[in-house]
C-alpha cells in the first residue's frame, strides 16, 4: 500500500509541474489532472492514478499528432494514405508514441514511421554506434540527409528498411516493398530531421 501511495505522490507531483509550467494543452487534459488532484486529496489513490493515466494518454495523442506533421509528402507519381498516430501504454512493446503514413505507386509501397518515448530507441542507438552490429543481418551504415542510418536492402526482392535515430529521442523506420533503393532513400531523405530534433 505504501508503495502505491508513493507512486501516486510522484505521479501527482509530475503532472502538477507540467500543468503549472503551461506545457499541457487542452481543457480535457487539465480537467483530468484536476480530477486526479481531487481524488488524491480525498485519499482515492486508484482513482487518482486512473485520471493521471488518462491525462498521459491524451498528452501522448497530442504528441502523436505533432509527429504526423513530419511525415513526408509523397514522391512524384506516388499516392499517400492519411497519416495516423497512436499512443501506446507500457504494456505494448514497452510503450511509446508513433505516427506513420503509407505510400504507394502501382505495386510499390513504402511506410514511414516516427516513434518516440520508446525503449526500442536504446537498442537502435547501440546498433548505430556499432557498425559491426548493424551489419550482422545485412545492414549497412550510410548517411541520409546528413544523419547516420542503417540501410538494409535486398535487390532481388526489391524490399528493404532504413532506420535512423534523431536527437536520441526519435526512431525513424522507412520500410518498402517492391520498391527501388533510390525511392526508399528518397522517402527517408524527405523528413526535416533538424526540425524534428528540436521538437519538444
Foldseek 3Di string as FASTA:
>chain_A
DVVLLVVLVVLLVVVVVCVVVVVDDDPLLVVLSVQLVVCVVVVNSVSNVVSSVVSVQVVLQVVLVVVQVQQFDDDPQKDKDDKDKGWADCVPQHTWIKIKIWMDHDPKIKMKMKIFPHPVLVVVVVCLVPQVNLPPPPWGWDAALNFTWTWHADVVQGWTWIWGQALSTMIIIMTMGNHHPVSSSVSVNRGPRVVVNVDD
